[in-house]
PDB file of N, CA and C in Angstrom:
ATOM      1  N   VAL A   1    -113.876 -71.576-265.648  1.00  0.00           N
ATOM      2  CA  VAL A   1    -112.895 -72.373-266.308  1.00  0.00           C
ATOM      3  C   VAL A   1    -111.210 -72.212-265.604  1.00  0.00           C
ATOM      4  N   GLY A   2    -110.883 -73.396-265.167  1.00  0.00           N
ATOM      5  CA  GLY A   2    -109.351 -73.022-264.796  1.00  0.00           C
ATOM      6  C   GLY A   2    -108.771 -74.319-266.012  1.00  0.00           C
ATOM      7  N   TYR A   3    -107.373 -74.327-266.309  1.00  0.00           N
ATOM      8  CA  TYR A   3    -106.592 -75.052-267.056  1.00  0.00           C
ATOM      9  C   TYR A   3    -105.520 -75.742-266.397  1.00  0.00           C
ATOM     10  N   VAL A   4    -105.600 -77.238-266.164  1.00  0.00           N
ATOM     11  CA  VAL A   4    -104.582 -77.670-265.558  1.00  0.00           C
ATOM     12  C   VAL A   4    -103.111 -77.779-266.151  1.00  0.00           C
ATOM     13  N   PHE A   5    -102.230 -76.885-265.505  1.00  0.00           N
ATOM     14  CA  PHE A   5    -100.888 -77.137-266.333  1.00  0.00           C
ATOM     15  C   PHE A   5     -99.717 -77.999-265.769  1.00  0.00           C
ATOM     16  N   ASP A   6     -99.928 -78.167-264.483  1.00  0.00           N
ATOM     17  CA  ASP A   6     -99.247 -79.275-264.032  1.00  0.00           C
ATOM     18  C   ASP A   6     -99.288 -79.461-262.508  1.00  0.00           C
ATOM     19  N   HIS A   7     -98.535 -80.788-262.066  1.00  0.00           N
ATOM     20  CA  HIS A   7     -99.108 -80.737-261.008  1.00  0.00           C
ATOM     21  C   HIS A   7     -98.652 -79.787-259.833  1.00  0.00           C
ATOM     22  N   ALA A   8     -98.970 -79.620-258.755  1.00  0.00           N
ATOM     23  CA  ALA A   8     -98.985 -78.539-257.678  1.00  0.00           C
ATOM     24  C   ALA A   8     -98.029 -78.912-257.034  1.00  0.00           C
ATOM     25  N   PRO A   9     -96.753 -77.889-255.929  1.00  0.00           N
ATOM     26  CA  PRO A   9     -95.941 -77.811-255.573  1.00  0.00           C
ATOM     27  C   PRO A   9     -96.392 -78.649-254.106  1.00  0.00           C
ATOM     28  N   ILE A  10     -95.591 -79.343-253.696  1.00  0.00           N
ATOM     29  CA  ILE A  10     -96.467 -79.791-251.933  1.00  0.00           C
ATOM     30  C   ILE A  10     -96.160 -78.371-251.185  1.00  0.00           C
ATOM     31  N   PHE A  11     -97.028 -77.806-250.660  1.00  0.00           N
ATOM     32  CA  PHE A  11     -97.132 -76.537-249.559  1.00  0.00           C
ATOM     33  C   PHE A  11     -97.452 -76.989-248.354  1.00  0.00           C
ATOM     34  N   SER A  12     -97.177 -76.032-247.072  1.00  0.00           N
ATOM     35  CA  SER A  12     -98.008 -76.481-246.023  1.00  0.00           C
ATOM     36  C   SER A  12     -98.625 -75.206-245.832  1.00  0.00           C
ATOM     37  N   GLY A  13     -99.841 -75.220-245.566  1.00  0.00           N
ATOM     38  CA  GLY A  13    -100.314 -74.013-244.879  1.00  0.00           C
ATOM     39  C   GLY A  13    -101.344 -73.941-246.066  1.00  0.00           C
ATOM     40  N   SER A  14    -101.700 -72.450-246.522  1.00  0.00           N
ATOM     41  CA  SER A  14    -102.767 -72.358-247.238  1.00  0.00           C
ATOM     42  C   SER A  14    -102.120 -71.224-248.121  1.00  0.00           C
ATOM     43  N   ALA A  15    -100.998 -71.855-249.053  1.00  0.00           N
ATOM     44  CA  ALA A  15    -100.500 -70.844-249.891  1.00  0.00           C
ATOM     45  C   ALA A  15    -101.503 -70.133-250.907  1.00  0.00           C
ATOM     46  N   TYR A  16    -102.279 -71.779-251.187  1.00  0.00           N
ATOM     47  CA  TYR A  16    -103.409 -71.720-252.870  1.00  0.00           C
ATOM     48  C   TYR A  16    -104.494 -72.371-252.402  1.00  0.00           C
ATOM     49  N   VAL A  17    -105.447 -72.150-252.375  1.00  0.00           N
ATOM     50  CA  VAL A  17    -107.409 -72.904-252.497  1.00  0.00           C
ATOM     51  C   VAL A  17    -106.644 -73.969-253.530  1.00  0.00           C
ATOM     52  N   ARG A  18    -107.117 -75.264-253.172  1.00  0.00           N
ATOM     53  CA  ARG A  18    -106.807 -76.624-253.553  1.00  0.00           C
ATOM     54  C   ARG A  18    -108.256 -77.018-254.337  1.00  0.00           C
ATOM     55  N   PHE A  19    -108.377 -77.183-255.270  1.00  0.00           N
ATOM     56  CA  PHE A  19    -109.697 -77.798-256.071  1.00  0.00           C
ATOM     57  C   PHE A  19    -109.817 -79.043-256.394  1.00  0.00           C
ATOM     58  N   TYR A  20    -110.845 -79.713-255.853  1.00  0.00           N
ATOM     59  CA  TYR A  20    -110.870 -80.786-256.497  1.00  0.00           C
ATOM     60  C   TYR A  20    -112.328 -81.284-256.975  1.00  0.00           C
ATOM     61  N   GLY A  21    -112.365 -81.913-258.330  1.00  0.00           N
ATOM     62  CA  GLY A  21    -113.436 -82.313-258.693  1.00  0.00           C
ATOM     63  C   GLY A  21    -112.800 -83.466-259.656  1.00  0.00           C
ATOM     64  N   SER A  22    -113.771 -83.911-260.200  1.00  0.00           N
ATOM     65  CA  SER A  22    -113.905 -84.939-261.527  1.00  0.00           C
ATOM     66  C   SER A  22    -113.229 -84.549-262.878  1.00  0.00           C
ATOM     67  N   ILE A  23    -111.749 -84.895-263.071  1.00  0.00           N
ATOM     68  CA  ILE A  23    -111.583 -84.961-264.512  1.00  0.00           C
ATOM     69  C   ILE A  23    -111.274 -86.410-264.806  1.00  0.00           C
ATOM     70  N   ASP A  24    -111.726 -87.421-265.639  1.00  0.00           N
ATOM     71  CA  ASP A  24    -111.202 -88.494-266.430  1.00  0.00           C
ATOM     72  C   ASP A  24    -109.862 -88.708-266.584  1.00  0.00           C
ATOM     73  N   GLY A  25    -109.219 -89.119-266.127  1.00  0.00           N
ATOM     74  CA  GLY A  25    -107.533 -89.589-267.007  1.00  0.00           C
ATOM     75  C   GLY A  25    -106.750 -88.940-266.229  1.00  0.00           C
ATOM     76  N   ASP A  26    -105.774 -88.496-266.753  1.00  0.00           N
ATOM     77  CA  ASP A  26    -104.683 -87.221-266.142  1.00  0.00           C
ATOM     78  C   ASP A  26    -104.981 -85.836-266.591  1.00  0.00           C
ATOM     79  N   PRO A  27    -105.215 -85.623-265.529  1.00  0.00           N
ATOM     80  CA  PRO A  27    -105.669 -83.935-265.308  1.00  0.00           C
ATOM     81  C   PRO A  27    -104.695 -82.958-266.301  1.00  0.00           C
ATOM     82  N   ILE A  28    -103.363 -83.186-266.368  1.00  0.00           N
ATOM     83  CA  ILE A  28    -102.353 -82.547-266.910  1.00  0.00           C
ATOM     84  C   ILE A  28    -103.304 -81.991-268.294  1.00  0.00           C
ATOM     85  N   GLY A  29    -103.222 -80.470-268.699  1.00  0.00           N
ATOM     86  CA  GLY A  29    -103.857 -79.791-269.555  1.00  0.00           C
ATOM     87  C   GLY A  29    -105.587 -80.299-270.203  1.00  0.00           C
ATOM     88  N   LYS A  30    -105.879 -80.888-269.453  1.00  0.00           N
ATOM     89  CA  LYS A  30    -107.193 -80.576-269.207  1.00  0.00           C
ATOM     90  C   LYS A  30    -108.260 -79.232-268.964  1.00  0.00           C
ATOM     91  N   ASN A  31    -109.021 -78.844-269.076  1.00  0.00           N
ATOM     92  CA  ASN A  31    -109.827 -77.882-268.122  1.00  0.00           C
ATOM     93  C   ASN A  31    -110.952 -78.438-267.013  1.00  0.00           C
ATOM     94  N   PHE A  32    -110.571 -77.852-265.824  1.00  0.00           N
ATOM     95  CA  PHE A  32    -111.514 -77.821-264.709  1.00  0.00           C
ATOM     96  C   PHE A  32    -112.661 -76.457-265.085  1.00  0.00           C
ATOM     97  N   ASN A  33    -113.735 -77.197-264.971  1.00  0.00           N
ATOM     98  CA  ASN A  33    -115.051 -76.641-265.099  1.00  0.00           C
ATOM     99  C   ASN A  33    -115.984 -76.683-264.192  1.00  0.00           C
ATOM    100  N   PRO A  34    -115.337 -75.935-262.865  1.00  0.00           N
ATOM    101  CA  PRO A  34    -116.577 -76.007-261.750  1.00  0.00           C
ATOM    102  C   PRO A  34    -117.892 -75.077-262.111  1.00  0.00           C
ATOM    103  N   ILE A  35    -118.897 -75.396-261.730  1.00  0.00           N
ATOM    104  CA  ILE A  35    -120.060 -75.369-261.746  1.00  0.00           C
ATOM    105  C   ILE A  35    -120.264 -73.380-261.512  1.00  0.00           C
ATOM    106  N   LEU A  36    -119.419 -73.331-260.347  1.00  0.00           N
ATOM    107  CA  LEU A  36    -119.485 -71.893-260.191  1.00  0.00           C
ATOM    108  C   LEU A  36    -118.136 -71.095-261.044  1.00  0.00           C
ATOM    109  N   SER A  37    -118.349 -70.292-262.036  1.00  0.00           N
ATOM    110  CA  SER A  37    -117.084 -69.565-262.017  1.00  0.00           C
ATOM    111  C   SER A  37    -115.734 -69.655-261.166  1.00  0.00           C
ATOM    112  N   LEU A  38    -114.628 -69.252-261.613  1.00  0.00           N
ATOM    113  CA  LEU A  38    -113.595 -68.881-261.127  1.00  0.00           C
ATOM    114  C   LEU A  38    -113.543 -67.749-260.445  1.00  0.00           C
ATOM    115  N   SER A  39    -114.453 -67.072-261.173  1.00  0.00           N
ATOM    116  CA  SER A  39    -114.781 -65.642-260.571  1.00  0.00           C
ATOM    117  C   SER A  39    -115.227 -65.418-259.690  1.00  0.00           C
ATOM    118  N   LYS A  40    -116.224 -66.093-259.530  1.00  0.00           N
ATOM    119  CA  LYS A  40    -117.638 -65.615-258.949  1.00  0.00           C
ATOM    120  C   LYS A  40    -116.952 -66.730-257.365  1.00  0.00           C
ATOM    121  N   THR A  41    -116.531 -67.427-257.536  1.00  0.00           N
ATOM    122  CA  THR A  41    -116.101 -68.290-256.428  1.00  0.00           C
ATOM    123  C   THR A  41    -114.548 -67.357-255.764  1.00  0.00           C
ATOM    124  N   GLU A  42    -113.946 -66.761-256.406  1.00  0.00           N
ATOM    125  CA  GLU A  42    -112.929 -65.916-255.776  1.00  0.00           C
ATOM    126  C   GLU A  42    -113.874 -64.579-254.923  1.00  0.00           C
ATOM    127  N   GLY A  43    -114.800 -64.273-255.762  1.00  0.00           N
ATOM    128  CA  GLY A  43    -116.032 -63.343-254.587  1.00  0.00           C
ATOM    129  C   GLY A  43    -116.214 -63.899-253.260  1.00  0.00           C
ATOM    130  N   VAL A  44    -116.930 -65.198-253.727  1.00  0.00           N
ATOM    131  CA  VAL A  44    -116.916 -65.715-252.210  1.00  0.00           C
ATOM    132  C   VAL A  44    -116.320 -66.160-251.511  1.00  0.00           C
ATOM    133  N   LEU A  45    -114.534 -66.129-251.506  1.00  0.00           N
ATOM    134  CA  LEU A  45    -113.574 -66.279-250.930  1.00  0.00           C
ATOM    135  C   LEU A  45    -113.317 -65.041-250.092  1.00  0.00           C
ATOM    136  N   LYS A  46    -113.378 -63.743-251.100  1.00  0.00           N
ATOM    137  CA  LYS A  46    -113.391 -62.543-250.627  1.00  0.00           C
ATOM    138  C   LYS A  46    -113.944 -62.461-249.571  1.00  0.00           C
ATOM    139  N   SER A  47    -115.685 -62.622-249.813  1.00  0.00           N
ATOM    140  CA  SER A  47    -116.392 -62.490-248.482  1.00  0.00           C
ATOM    141  C   SER A  47    -116.199 -63.260-247.221  1.00  0.00           C
ATOM    142  N   LEU A  48    -115.863 -64.709-247.317  1.00  0.00           N
ATOM    143  CA  LEU A  48    -115.716 -65.393-246.073  1.00  0.00           C
ATOM    144  C   LEU A  48    -114.449 -64.539-245.377  1.00  0.00           C
ATOM    145  N   GLU A  49    -113.560 -64.315-246.226  1.00  0.00           N
ATOM    146  CA  GLU A  49    -111.970 -63.823-245.589  1.00  0.00           C
ATOM    147  C   GLU A  49    -112.762 -62.806-244.686  1.00  0.00           C
ATOM    148  N   LEU A  50    -113.402 -61.885-244.989  1.00  0.00           N
ATOM    149  CA  LEU A  50    -114.018 -60.614-244.205  1.00  0.00           C
ATOM    150  C   LEU A  50    -114.636 -60.857-242.843  1.00  0.00           C
ATOM    151  N   HIS A  51    -114.868 -62.325-243.389  1.00  0.00           N
ATOM    152  CA  HIS A  51    -115.326 -63.249-241.711  1.00  0.00           C
ATOM    153  C   HIS A  51    -114.488 -63.767-240.790  1.00  0.00           C
ATOM    154  N   ASN A  52    -113.042 -63.691-241.426  1.00  0.00           N
ATOM    155  CA  ASN A  52    -112.049 -64.698-240.301  1.00  0.00           C
ATOM    156  C   ASN A  52    -112.007 -65.759-241.075  1.00  0.00           C
ATOM    157  N   ILE A  53    -112.667 -66.292-241.950  1.00  0.00           N
ATOM    158  CA  ILE A  53    -112.602 -67.215-242.613  1.00  0.00           C
ATOM    159  C   ILE A  53    -112.094 -67.884-243.835  1.00  0.00           C
ATOM    160  N   THR A  54    -110.938 -68.432-243.862  1.00  0.00           N
ATOM    161  CA  THR A  54    -109.986 -68.620-245.119  1.00  0.00           C
ATOM    162  C   THR A  54    -109.921 -70.197-245.381  1.00  0.00           C
ATOM    163  N   ILE A  55    -110.608 -70.438-246.744  1.00  0.00           N
ATOM    164  CA  ILE A  55    -111.017 -71.448-247.088  1.00  0.00           C
ATOM    165  C   ILE A  55    -109.256 -72.342-247.956  1.00  0.00           C
ATOM    166  N   THR A  56    -109.484 -73.243-247.714  1.00  0.00           N
ATOM    167  CA  THR A  56    -107.899 -73.589-248.519  1.00  0.00           C
ATOM    168  C   THR A  56    -108.595 -74.965-249.270  1.00  0.00           C
ATOM    169  N   ASP A  57    -109.537 -75.309-249.111  1.00  0.00           N
ATOM    170  CA  ASP A  57    -109.876 -76.275-250.328  1.00  0.00           C
ATOM    171  C   ASP A  57    -111.285 -76.497-250.283  1.00  0.00           C
ATOM    172  N   ILE A  58    -111.639 -76.714-251.725  1.00  0.00           N
ATOM    173  CA  ILE A  58    -113.042 -76.726-252.402  1.00  0.00           C
ATOM    174  C   ILE A  58    -113.593 -77.860-252.841  1.00  0.00           C
ATOM    175  N   VAL A  59    -114.190 -78.770-253.076  1.00  0.00           N
ATOM    176  CA  VAL A  59    -114.557 -80.015-253.343  1.00  0.00           C
ATOM    177  C   VAL A  59    -115.681 -79.823-254.396  1.00  0.00           C
ATOM    178  N   THR A  60    -115.741 -79.748-255.450  1.00  0.00           N
ATOM    179  CA  THR A  60    -116.708 -79.573-256.685  1.00  0.00           C
ATOM    180  C   THR A  60    -117.749 -80.960-256.879  1.00  0.00           C
ATOM    181  N   GLY A  61    -118.948 -81.167-256.578  1.00  0.00           N
ATOM    182  CA  GLY A  61    -119.901 -81.759-257.121  1.00  0.00           C
ATOM    183  C   GLY A  61    -120.958 -81.083-257.905  1.00  0.00           C
ATOM    184  N   PRO A  62    -121.783 -82.038-258.398  1.00  0.00           N
ATOM    185  CA  PRO A  62    -122.568 -81.700-259.431  1.00  0.00           C
ATOM    186  C   PRO A  62    -123.498 -80.276-259.178  1.00  0.00           C
ATOM    187  N   HIS A  63    -123.973 -80.633-257.878  1.00  0.00           N
ATOM    188  CA  HIS A  63    -124.774 -79.130-257.827  1.00  0.00           C
ATOM    189  C   HIS A  63    -124.506 -78.554-256.267  1.00  0.00           C
ATOM    190  N   ASP A  64    -123.032 -78.994-255.362  1.00  0.00           N
ATOM    191  CA  ASP A  64    -122.821 -78.149-254.381  1.00  0.00           C
ATOM    192  C   ASP A  64    -121.433 -78.299-254.452  1.00  0.00           C
ATOM    193  N   TYR A  65    -121.126 -77.153-253.289  1.00  0.00           N
ATOM    194  CA  TYR A  65    -119.284 -77.324-253.171  1.00  0.00           C
ATOM    195  C   TYR A  65    -119.206 -77.528-251.503  1.00  0.00           C
ATOM    196  N   ALA A  66    -118.138 -78.340-251.230  1.00  0.00           N
ATOM    197  CA  ALA A  66    -117.682 -78.471-249.830  1.00  0.00           C
ATOM    198  C   ALA A  66    -116.620 -77.605-249.740  1.00  0.00           C
ATOM    199  N   LEU A  67    -116.608 -76.415-248.949  1.00  0.00           N
ATOM    200  CA  LEU A  67    -115.404 -75.788-248.613  1.00  0.00           C
ATOM    201  C   LEU A  67    -114.761 -76.018-247.502  1.00  0.00           C
ATOM    202  N   SER A  68    -113.347 -76.171-247.354  1.00  0.00           N
ATOM    203  CA  SER A  68    -112.809 -76.190-245.692  1.00  0.00           C
ATOM    204  C   SER A  68    -111.850 -75.932-245.592  1.00  0.00           C
ATOM    205  N   THR A  69    -111.820 -75.250-244.076  1.00  0.00           N
ATOM    206  CA  THR A  69    -111.092 -74.128-243.872  1.00  0.00           C
ATOM    207  C   THR A  69    -109.514 -74.508-242.789  1.00  0.00           C
ATOM    208  N   GLU A  70    -108.497 -74.001-243.054  1.00  0.00           N
ATOM    209  CA  GLU A  70    -107.351 -74.554-242.383  1.00  0.00           C
ATOM    210  C   GLU A  70    -107.302 -75.216-241.188  1.00  0.00           C
ATOM    211  N   ASP A  71    -108.454 -74.631-240.030  1.00  0.00           N
ATOM    212  CA  ASP A  71    -108.875 -75.591-239.085  1.00  0.00           C
ATOM    213  C   ASP A  71    -110.003 -76.757-239.096  1.00  0.00           C
ATOM    214  N   GLY A  72    -109.760 -77.114-240.300  1.00  0.00           N
ATOM    215  CA  GLY A  72    -111.376 -78.503-240.591  1.00  0.00           C
ATOM    216  C   GLY A  72    -112.443 -77.940-240.388  1.00  0.00           C
ATOM    217  N   LYS A  73    -112.743 -77.148-240.414  1.00  0.00           N
ATOM    218  CA  LYS A  73    -114.342 -76.419-240.417  1.00  0.00           C
ATOM    219  C   LYS A  73    -114.590 -76.548-242.304  1.00  0.00           C
ATOM    220  N   ARG A  74    -116.401 -76.761-242.392  1.00  0.00           N
ATOM    221  CA  ARG A  74    -116.741 -77.068-243.395  1.00  0.00           C
ATOM    222  C   ARG A  74    -117.721 -76.565-243.527  1.00  0.00           C
ATOM    223  N   LEU A  75    -118.117 -75.855-244.864  1.00  0.00           N
ATOM    224  CA  LEU A  75    -119.065 -75.036-245.525  1.00  0.00           C
ATOM    225  C   LEU A  75    -119.717 -75.542-246.609  1.00  0.00           C
ATOM    226  N   LEU A  76    -121.008 -76.076-246.657  1.00  0.00           N
ATOM    227  CA  LEU A  76    -121.715 -76.641-247.856  1.00  0.00           C
ATOM    228  C   LEU A  76    -122.349 -75.785-248.322  1.00  0.00           C
ATOM    229  N   ILE A  77    -122.639 -75.476-249.344  1.00  0.00           N
ATOM    230  CA  ILE A  77    -123.019 -74.364-250.307  1.00  0.00           C
ATOM    231  C   ILE A  77    -123.905 -74.938-252.036  1.00  0.00           C
ATOM    232  N   ASN A  78    -124.779 -74.891-252.320  1.00  0.00           N
ATOM    233  CA  ASN A  78    -125.760 -75.027-253.687  1.00  0.00           C
ATOM    234  C   ASN A  78    -125.509 -74.548-254.194  1.00  0.00           C
ATOM    235  N   THR A  79    -124.835 -74.708-255.551  1.00  0.00           N
ATOM    236  CA  THR A  79    -124.093 -73.611-256.669  1.00  0.00           C
ATOM    237  C   THR A  79    -125.302 -73.233-257.300  1.00  0.00           C
ATOM    238  N   ASN A  80    -126.750 -73.725-257.160  1.00  0.00           N
ATOM    239  CA  ASN A  80    -127.990 -73.411-257.677  1.00  0.00           C
ATOM    240  C   ASN A  80    -128.676 -72.238-256.923  1.00  0.00           C
ATOM    241  N   GLN A  81    -127.869 -72.082-256.149  1.00  0.00           N
ATOM    242  CA  GLN A  81    -128.684 -70.970-255.428  1.00  0.00           C
ATOM    243  C   GLN A  81    -128.223 -69.239-255.290  1.00  0.00           C
ATOM    244  N   ASP A  82    -128.845 -68.415-255.090  1.00  0.00           N
ATOM    245  CA  ASP A  82    -127.672 -67.373-255.224  1.00  0.00           C
ATOM    246  C   ASP A  82    -126.697 -67.017-254.256  1.00  0.00           C
ATOM    247  N   THR A  83    -125.782 -66.873-255.128  1.00  0.00           N
ATOM    248  CA  THR A  83    -124.693 -66.948-254.186  1.00  0.00           C
ATOM    249  C   THR A  83    -124.656 -65.591-253.111  1.00  0.00           C
ATOM    250  N   ALA A  84    -125.027 -64.539-253.452  1.00  0.00           N
ATOM    251  CA  ALA A  84    -125.303 -63.177-252.423  1.00  0.00           C
ATOM    252  C   ALA A  84    -125.957 -63.952-251.424  1.00  0.00           C
ATOM    253  N   LYS A  85    -127.051 -64.212-251.514  1.00  0.00           N
ATOM    254  CA  LYS A  85    -128.222 -64.648-250.565  1.00  0.00           C
ATOM    255  C   LYS A  85    -127.555 -66.135-249.411  1.00  0.00           C
ATOM    256  N   THR A  86    -126.805 -66.570-250.053  1.00  0.00           N
ATOM    257  CA  THR A  86    -126.075 -67.432-249.790  1.00  0.00           C
ATOM    258  C   THR A  86    -125.065 -67.284-248.159  1.00  0.00           C
ATOM    259  N   ILE A  87    -124.269 -65.738-249.189  1.00  0.00           N
ATOM    260  CA  ILE A  87    -123.522 -65.237-248.077  1.00  0.00           C
ATOM    261  C   ILE A  87    -124.180 -64.181-247.031  1.00  0.00           C
ATOM    262  N   ASP A  88    -125.013 -63.582-247.557  1.00  0.00           N
ATOM    263  CA  ASP A  88    -125.979 -63.120-246.489  1.00  0.00           C
ATOM    264  C   ASP A  88    -126.924 -64.211-245.797  1.00  0.00           C
ATOM    265  N   ASN A  89    -127.165 -65.109-246.162  1.00  0.00           N
ATOM    266  CA  ASN A  89    -127.322 -66.124-244.929  1.00  0.00           C
ATOM    267  C   ASN A  89    -126.223 -66.584-243.634  1.00  0.00           C
ATOM    268  N   LEU A  90    -125.111 -66.690-244.173  1.00  0.00           N
ATOM    269  CA  LEU A  90    -123.689 -67.281-243.562  1.00  0.00           C
ATOM    270  C   LEU A  90    -123.461 -66.262-242.776  1.00  0.00           C
ATOM    271  N   LYS A  91    -123.756 -64.824-243.024  1.00  0.00           N
ATOM    272  CA  LYS A  91    -123.416 -63.740-241.773  1.00  0.00           C
ATOM    273  C   LYS A  91    -124.629 -64.005-240.803  1.00  0.00           C
ATOM    274  N   VAL A  92    -125.661 -63.846-241.398  1.00  0.00           N
ATOM    275  CA  VAL A  92    -126.762 -63.934-240.052  1.00  0.00           C
ATOM    276  C   VAL A  92    -126.574 -65.171-239.536  1.00  0.00           C
ATOM    277  N   ILE A  93    -125.950 -66.319-239.918  1.00  0.00           N
ATOM    278  CA  ILE A  93    -125.601 -67.217-238.977  1.00  0.00           C
ATOM    279  C   ILE A  93    -124.141 -67.168-238.130  1.00  0.00           C
ATOM    280  N   LEU A  94    -123.544 -66.710-238.367  1.00  0.00           N
ATOM    281  CA  LEU A  94    -122.213 -66.840-237.829  1.00  0.00           C
ATOM    282  C   LEU A  94    -122.286 -65.480-236.525  1.00  0.00           C
ATOM    283  N   ALA A  95    -123.341 -64.387-237.156  1.00  0.00           N
ATOM    284  CA  ALA A  95    -123.734 -63.503-236.157  1.00  0.00           C
ATOM    285  C   ALA A  95    -124.390 -63.848-234.872  1.00  0.00           C
ATOM    286  N   GLU A  96    -125.085 -65.167-235.252  1.00  0.00           N
ATOM    287  CA  GLU A  96    -125.982 -65.742-234.015  1.00  0.00           C
ATOM    288  C   GLU A  96    -124.622 -66.551-233.349  1.00  0.00           C
ATOM    289  N   ILE A  97    -123.886 -67.442-233.976  1.00  0.00           N
ATOM    290  CA  ILE A  97    -123.141 -68.441-233.209  1.00  0.00           C
ATOM    291  C   ILE A  97    -122.266 -67.645-232.348  1.00  0.00           C
ATOM    292  N   LYS A  98    -121.661 -66.194-232.840  1.00  0.00           N
ATOM    293  CA  LYS A  98    -120.950 -65.482-232.041  1.00  0.00           C
ATOM    294  C   LYS A  98    -121.808 -64.906-230.310  1.00  0.00           C
ATOM    295  N   LYS A  99    -123.137 -64.776-230.958  1.00  0.00           N
ATOM    296  CA  LYS A  99    -123.820 -64.202-229.860  1.00  0.00           C
ATOM    297  C   LYS A  99    -124.012 -65.184-228.379  1.00  0.00           C
ATOM    298  N   ALA A 100    -124.113 -66.327-229.166  1.00  0.00           N
ATOM    299  CA  ALA A 100    -123.901 -67.859-228.243  1.00  0.00           C
ATOM    300  C   ALA A 100    -123.048 -68.551-227.767  1.00  0.00           C
ATOM    301  N   THR A 101    -121.681 -67.678-228.286  1.00  0.00           N
ATOM    302  CA  THR A 101    -120.646 -67.978-227.817  1.00  0.00           C
ATOM    303  C   THR A 101    -119.961 -69.032-228.039  1.00  0.00           C
ATOM    304  N   SER A 102    -120.552 -69.787-229.168  1.00  0.00           N
ATOM    305  CA  SER A 102    -120.127 -71.258-229.459  1.00  0.00           C
ATOM    306  C   SER A 102    -119.227 -71.081-230.552  1.00  0.00           C
ATOM    307  N   THR A 103    -119.094 -72.140-231.341  1.00  0.00           N
ATOM    308  CA  THR A 103    -117.836 -72.593-232.031  1.00  0.00           C
ATOM    309  C   THR A 103    -118.782 -73.361-232.400  1.00  0.00           C
ATOM    310  N   TRP A 104    -118.499 -73.824-234.439  1.00  0.00           N
ATOM    311  CA  TRP A 104    -118.917 -74.460-235.344  1.00  0.00           C
ATOM    312  C   TRP A 104    -117.816 -75.329-235.440  1.00  0.00           C
ATOM    313  N   GLN A 105    -118.414 -76.430-236.235  1.00  0.00           N
ATOM    314  CA  GLN A 105    -117.544 -77.312-237.052  1.00  0.00           C
ATOM    315  C   GLN A 105    -118.114 -77.489-238.690  1.00  0.00           C
ATOM    316  N   SER A 106    -119.412 -77.437-239.058  1.00  0.00           N
ATOM    317  CA  SER A 106    -119.744 -77.164-240.074  1.00  0.00           C
ATOM    318  C   SER A 106    -121.338 -76.185-240.247  1.00  0.00           C
ATOM    319  N   ILE A 107    -121.336 -75.623-241.417  1.00  0.00           N
ATOM    320  CA  ILE A 107    -122.657 -74.981-241.624  1.00  0.00           C
ATOM    321  C   ILE A 107    -122.473 -75.208-243.090  1.00  0.00           C
ATOM    322  N   ASP A 108    -124.294 -75.823-243.257  1.00  0.00           N
ATOM    323  CA  ASP A 108    -124.767 -76.066-244.521  1.00  0.00           C
ATOM    324  C   ASP A 108    -126.008 -75.131-244.849  1.00  0.00           C
ATOM    325  N   LEU A 109    -125.183 -74.507-246.045  1.00  0.00           N
ATOM    326  CA  LEU A 109    -126.225 -73.817-246.464  1.00  0.00           C
ATOM    327  C   LEU A 109    -126.818 -74.247-247.858  1.00  0.00           C
ATOM    328  N   ARG A 110    -127.348 -75.254-247.966  1.00  0.00           N
ATOM    329  CA  ARG A 110    -127.415 -75.566-249.156  1.00  0.00           C
ATOM    330  C   ARG A 110    -129.007 -75.848-249.453  1.00  0.00           C
ATOM    331  N   PHE A 111    -129.729 -75.601-248.503  1.00  0.00           N
ATOM    332  CA  PHE A 111    -131.306 -75.481-248.504  1.00  0.00           C
ATOM    333  C   PHE A 111    -132.189 -74.074-248.228  1.00  0.00           C
ATOM    334  N   GLY A 112    -131.564 -73.201-248.818  1.00  0.00           N
ATOM    335  CA  GLY A 112    -132.321 -71.763-249.128  1.00  0.00           C
ATOM    336  C   GLY A 112    -131.974 -71.277-247.583  1.00  0.00           C
ATOM    337  N   ASN A 113    -133.011 -71.007-246.995  1.00  0.00           N
ATOM    338  CA  ASN A 113    -132.997 -70.402-245.546  1.00  0.00           C
ATOM    339  C   ASN A 113    -133.107 -71.215-244.233  1.00  0.00           C
ATOM    340  N   LYS A 114    -132.994 -72.488-244.878  1.00  0.00           N
ATOM    341  CA  LYS A 114    -132.756 -73.439-243.607  1.00  0.00           C
ATOM    342  C   LYS A 114    -131.478 -74.027-243.466  1.00  0.00           C
ATOM    343  N   ILE A 115    -131.047 -73.350-242.716  1.00  0.00           N
ATOM    344  CA  ILE A 115    -129.468 -73.565-242.193  1.00  0.00           C
ATOM    345  C   ILE A 115    -129.329 -74.721-241.203  1.00  0.00           C
ATOM    346  N   TYR A 116    -128.075 -75.548-241.217  1.00  0.00           N
ATOM    347  CA  TYR A 116    -127.943 -76.642-240.509  1.00  0.00           C
ATOM    348  C   TYR A 116    -126.697 -76.469-239.874  1.00  0.00           C
ATOM    349  N   VAL A 117    -126.493 -76.067-238.636  1.00  0.00           N
ATOM    350  CA  VAL A 117    -125.271 -75.870-237.944  1.00  0.00           C
ATOM    351  C   VAL A 117    -124.914 -77.113-237.378  1.00  0.00           C
ATOM    352  N   LYS A 118    -123.473 -77.653-237.324  1.00  0.00           N
ATOM    353  CA  LYS A 118    -122.899 -78.207-236.326  1.00  0.00           C
ATOM    354  C   LYS A 118    -121.895 -77.795-235.328  1.00  0.00           C
ATOM    355  N   HIS A 119    -122.191 -77.836-234.146  1.00  0.00           N
ATOM    356  CA  HIS A 119    -121.196 -77.257-233.115  1.00  0.00           C
ATOM    357  C   HIS A 119    -120.265 -78.127-232.676  1.00  0.00           C
ATOM    358  N   GLU A 120    -118.832 -77.569-232.659  1.00  0.00           N
ATOM    359  CA  GLU A 120    -117.658 -78.524-232.467  1.00  0.00           C
ATOM    360  C   GLU A 120    -117.896 -79.166-231.079  1.00  0.00           C
ATOM    361  N   THR A 121    -117.892 -80.201-230.591  1.00  0.00           N
ATOM    362  CA  THR A 121    -118.180 -80.775-228.852  1.00  0.00           C
ATOM    363  C   THR A 121    -116.695 -80.989-228.286  1.00  0.00           C
ATOM    364  N   GLN A 122    -116.828 -80.483-226.809  1.00  0.00           N
ATOM    365  CA  GLN A 122    -115.513 -80.091-226.701  1.00  0.00           C
ATOM    366  C   GLN A 122    -115.221 -80.951-225.388  1.00  0.00           C
TER     367      GLN A 122
END
């Protein structure tokens, strides 16, 4: 659970990860309750940083998260799945992408072991 104290100042770059989700009315003084606990989310972010993926924005939905990077790439994860398994699947697909010397625009990890990759067009 996160508590909304005040409007965030305007920063350039990735000083903070920005969370977006549904809060009715004025958010100041309300709790932001993402599906994954903030500590679990922090673990996911640290795991991603080990693979040089820095998340700047997280959009929470009823059953999934869309994580965006500084360079506009997106990761889609299902919060009902085991987070460790999702990270393991991501490691495998990133290794395969690296072998192929290609780059990715989005990786959809919401469907268990079925991973969908959208490659960047050049």
